[in-house]
């Protein structure tokens, strides 16, 4: 289980720069096939806050709530 935060900074050649924010709650699991390799899955609930000029999430100056899933493989050495 965990939490995360991030920022999307966009600086186009024409127009103003924008900053969008994302905050996430995550939960998942990891299965170790052996001591050097694992497979995992993670479920996410994301809240995004868009800049008033941003079109990154299709909702300028608004808040979005969405879900996501991540699958991953990890090699330990």
N, C-alpha and C. Protein backbone atom coordinates (compact mmCIF):
# COMPACT_ATOMS: atom_id res chain seq x y z
N UNK A 1 0.85 -1.17 0.00
CA UNK A 1 0.00 0.00 0.00
C UNK A 1 0.90 1.23 0.00
N UNK A 2 0.41 2.27 -0.63
CA UNK A 2 1.22 3.47 -0.66
C UNK A 2 0.47 4.66 -1.23
N UNK A 3 1.18 5.77 -1.25
CA UNK A 3 0.65 7.01 -1.79
C UNK A 3 1.71 7.61 -2.70
N UNK A 4 1.27 8.44 -3.64
CA UNK A 4 2.22 9.09 -4.52
C UNK A 4 1.71 10.45 -4.96
N UNK A 5 2.61 11.26 -5.43
CA UNK A 5 2.27 12.58 -5.95
C UNK A 5 3.21 12.89 -7.10
N UNK A 6 2.70 13.64 -8.07
CA UNK A 6 3.53 14.00 -9.20
C UNK A 6 3.04 15.26 -9.87
N UNK A 7 3.86 15.76 -10.78
CA UNK A 7 3.56 17.00 -11.48
C UNK A 7 3.87 16.80 -12.95
N UNK A 8 2.97 17.27 -13.83
CA UNK A 8 3.19 17.28 -15.27
C UNK A 8 3.44 18.72 -15.68
N UNK A 9 4.65 19.01 -16.12
CA UNK A 9 5.01 20.35 -16.57
C UNK A 9 5.09 20.33 -18.09
N UNK A 10 4.28 21.16 -18.75
CA UNK A 10 4.26 21.24 -20.20
C UNK A 10 4.65 22.64 -20.62
N UNK A 11 5.65 22.74 -21.51
CA UNK A 11 6.13 24.03 -21.98
C UNK A 11 6.15 24.01 -23.51
N UNK A 12 5.03 24.34 -24.15
CA UNK A 12 4.98 24.29 -25.62
C UNK A 12 5.76 25.43 -26.26
N UNK A 13 6.07 25.28 -27.56
CA UNK A 13 6.77 26.35 -28.28
C UNK A 13 5.90 27.61 -28.37
N UNK A 14 4.60 27.42 -28.51
CA UNK A 14 3.67 28.55 -28.61
C UNK A 14 2.67 28.44 -27.48
N UNK A 15 2.51 29.48 -26.70
CA UNK A 15 1.56 29.47 -25.58
C UNK A 15 2.28 29.39 -24.25
N UNK A 16 1.50 29.42 -23.20
CA UNK A 16 2.04 29.43 -21.85
C UNK A 16 2.32 28.01 -21.34
N UNK A 17 3.26 27.90 -20.44
CA UNK A 17 3.54 26.63 -19.77
C UNK A 17 2.39 26.30 -18.82
N UNK A 18 2.16 25.02 -18.61
CA UNK A 18 1.11 24.57 -17.69
C UNK A 18 1.68 23.57 -16.71
N UNK A 19 1.04 23.49 -15.55
CA UNK A 19 1.41 22.51 -14.53
C UNK A 19 0.14 21.79 -14.09
N UNK A 20 0.13 20.46 -14.21
CA UNK A 20 -0.95 19.62 -13.72
C UNK A 20 -0.42 18.77 -12.58
N UNK A 21 -1.27 18.46 -11.61
CA UNK A 21 -0.88 17.69 -10.44
C UNK A 21 -1.63 16.37 -10.41
N UNK A 22 -0.99 15.32 -9.92
CA UNK A 22 -1.64 14.03 -9.73
C UNK A 22 -1.27 13.49 -8.34
N UNK A 23 -2.28 12.98 -7.65
CA UNK A 23 -2.11 12.35 -6.33
C UNK A 23 -2.71 10.96 -6.41
N UNK A 24 -2.02 9.94 -5.89
CA UNK A 24 -2.44 8.55 -6.06
C UNK A 24 -2.45 7.79 -4.75
N UNK A 25 -3.41 6.88 -4.64
CA UNK A 25 -3.42 5.84 -3.62
C UNK A 25 -3.22 4.53 -4.36
N UNK A 26 -2.30 3.69 -3.89
CA UNK A 26 -1.99 2.45 -4.59
C UNK A 26 -1.99 1.27 -3.62
N UNK A 27 -2.32 0.11 -4.15
CA UNK A 27 -2.26 -1.13 -3.40
C UNK A 27 -1.97 -2.25 -4.38
N UNK A 28 -1.20 -3.22 -3.97
CA UNK A 28 -0.87 -4.29 -4.90
C UNK A 28 -0.11 -5.41 -4.23
N UNK A 29 0.42 -6.27 -5.06
CA UNK A 29 1.16 -7.41 -4.56
C UNK A 29 2.24 -7.81 -5.53
N UNK A 30 3.18 -8.58 -5.01
CA UNK A 30 4.33 -9.02 -5.80
C UNK A 30 4.57 -10.49 -5.49
N UNK A 31 4.73 -11.30 -6.52
CA UNK A 31 4.97 -12.73 -6.37
C UNK A 31 6.39 -13.03 -6.85
N UNK A 32 7.19 -13.63 -5.98
CA UNK A 32 8.58 -13.96 -6.31
C UNK A 32 8.63 -15.36 -6.91
N UNK A 33 8.99 -15.43 -8.19
CA UNK A 33 9.15 -16.71 -8.87
C UNK A 33 10.41 -17.41 -8.38
N UNK A 34 11.46 -16.66 -8.18
CA UNK A 34 12.66 -17.13 -7.49
C UNK A 34 13.30 -15.91 -6.81
N UNK A 35 14.47 -16.05 -6.26
CA UNK A 35 15.06 -14.95 -5.49
C UNK A 35 15.51 -13.78 -6.35
N UNK A 36 15.54 -13.94 -7.68
CA UNK A 36 16.00 -12.87 -8.57
C UNK A 36 14.93 -12.31 -9.50
N UNK A 37 13.70 -12.84 -9.46
CA UNK A 37 12.68 -12.42 -10.41
C UNK A 37 11.30 -12.43 -9.76
N UNK A 38 10.54 -11.35 -10.00
CA UNK A 38 9.18 -11.29 -9.45
C UNK A 38 8.22 -10.66 -10.46
N UNK A 39 6.95 -10.95 -10.29
CA UNK A 39 5.88 -10.33 -11.06
C UNK A 39 4.95 -9.63 -10.09
N UNK A 40 4.41 -8.49 -10.50
CA UNK A 40 3.55 -7.74 -9.60
C UNK A 40 2.39 -7.08 -10.31
N UNK A 41 1.42 -6.68 -9.52
CA UNK A 41 0.25 -5.94 -10.00
C UNK A 41 -0.07 -4.87 -8.97
N UNK A 42 -0.56 -3.74 -9.47
CA UNK A 42 -0.85 -2.61 -8.59
C UNK A 42 -2.13 -1.93 -9.07
N UNK A 43 -3.06 -1.71 -8.18
CA UNK A 43 -4.27 -0.95 -8.47
C UNK A 43 -4.10 0.47 -7.96
N UNK A 44 -4.63 1.45 -8.70
CA UNK A 44 -4.43 2.86 -8.36
C UNK A 44 -5.75 3.61 -8.39
N UNK A 45 -5.87 4.57 -7.51
CA UNK A 45 -6.92 5.59 -7.58
C UNK A 45 -6.19 6.91 -7.68
N UNK A 46 -6.40 7.63 -8.78
CA UNK A 46 -5.68 8.86 -9.05
C UNK A 46 -6.63 10.06 -9.04
N UNK A 47 -6.16 11.14 -8.46
CA UNK A 47 -6.87 12.43 -8.48
C UNK A 47 -5.95 13.40 -9.21
N UNK A 48 -6.44 13.99 -10.30
CA UNK A 48 -5.64 14.94 -11.07
C UNK A 48 -6.28 16.33 -11.00
N UNK A 49 -5.45 17.33 -10.88
CA UNK A 49 -5.89 18.72 -10.87
C UNK A 49 -5.20 19.42 -12.03
N UNK A 50 -5.99 19.88 -13.01
CA UNK A 50 -5.44 20.47 -14.22
C UNK A 50 -5.28 21.99 -14.11
N UNK A 51 -4.25 22.49 -14.77
CA UNK A 51 -4.02 23.93 -14.91
C UNK A 51 -5.16 24.52 -15.76
N UNK A 52 -5.46 25.80 -15.57
CA UNK A 52 -6.56 26.42 -16.32
C UNK A 52 -6.31 26.47 -17.83
N UNK A 53 -5.05 26.36 -18.26
CA UNK A 53 -4.72 26.37 -19.69
C UNK A 53 -4.42 24.97 -20.24
N UNK A 54 -4.45 23.95 -19.41
CA UNK A 54 -4.01 22.61 -19.81
C UNK A 54 -5.11 21.80 -20.48
N UNK A 55 -4.70 21.05 -21.50
CA UNK A 55 -5.61 20.11 -22.15
C UNK A 55 -5.14 18.66 -21.96
N UNK A 56 -4.18 18.43 -21.07
CA UNK A 56 -3.62 17.09 -20.86
C UNK A 56 -4.66 16.06 -20.46
N UNK A 57 -5.59 16.42 -19.61
CA UNK A 57 -6.60 15.48 -19.13
C UNK A 57 -7.99 15.81 -19.66
N UNK A 58 -8.08 16.78 -20.57
CA UNK A 58 -9.36 17.13 -21.17
C UNK A 58 -10.30 17.88 -20.26
N UNK A 59 -9.78 18.48 -19.20
CA UNK A 59 -10.63 19.20 -18.25
C UNK A 59 -9.90 20.41 -17.67
N UNK A 60 -9.64 21.44 -18.45
CA UNK A 60 -8.91 22.59 -17.95
C UNK A 60 -9.52 23.16 -16.66
N UNK A 61 -8.66 23.44 -15.69
CA UNK A 61 -9.03 24.06 -14.41
C UNK A 61 -10.03 23.23 -13.61
N UNK A 62 -9.97 21.91 -13.74
CA UNK A 62 -10.89 21.04 -13.01
C UNK A 62 -10.15 19.86 -12.40
N UNK A 63 -10.89 19.05 -11.65
CA UNK A 63 -10.34 17.88 -10.99
C UNK A 63 -10.95 16.62 -11.57
N UNK A 64 -10.14 15.61 -11.79
CA UNK A 64 -10.55 14.29 -12.30
C UNK A 64 -10.24 13.24 -11.24
N UNK A 65 -11.06 12.22 -11.15
CA UNK A 65 -10.76 11.03 -10.35
C UNK A 65 -10.87 9.84 -11.29
N UNK A 66 -9.82 9.01 -11.34
CA UNK A 66 -9.85 7.83 -12.20
C UNK A 66 -9.08 6.69 -11.57
N UNK A 67 -9.17 5.53 -12.19
CA UNK A 67 -8.47 4.36 -11.69
C UNK A 67 -7.45 3.90 -12.73
N UNK A 68 -6.51 3.12 -12.27
CA UNK A 68 -5.49 2.58 -13.17
C UNK A 68 -4.95 1.27 -12.62
N UNK A 69 -4.29 0.53 -13.48
CA UNK A 69 -3.66 -0.73 -13.09
C UNK A 69 -2.27 -0.78 -13.70
N UNK A 70 -1.33 -1.29 -12.94
CA UNK A 70 0.03 -1.47 -13.44
C UNK A 70 0.45 -2.93 -13.23
N UNK A 71 1.00 -3.53 -14.27
CA UNK A 71 1.61 -4.85 -14.18
C UNK A 71 3.11 -4.66 -14.37
N UNK A 72 3.90 -5.38 -13.61
CA UNK A 72 5.34 -5.21 -13.75
C UNK A 72 6.10 -6.49 -13.45
N UNK A 73 7.30 -6.56 -13.98
CA UNK A 73 8.25 -7.63 -13.70
C UNK A 73 9.53 -6.97 -13.20
N UNK A 74 10.12 -7.57 -12.18
CA UNK A 74 11.33 -7.02 -11.58
C UNK A 74 12.43 -8.06 -11.56
N UNK A 75 13.61 -7.66 -11.99
CA UNK A 75 14.78 -8.52 -11.97
C UNK A 75 15.72 -7.99 -10.89
N UNK A 76 16.02 -8.84 -9.92
CA UNK A 76 16.92 -8.48 -8.81
C UNK A 76 18.28 -9.12 -9.05
N UNK A 77 19.35 -8.34 -8.88
CA UNK A 77 20.70 -8.89 -9.02
C UNK A 77 21.62 -8.28 -8.02
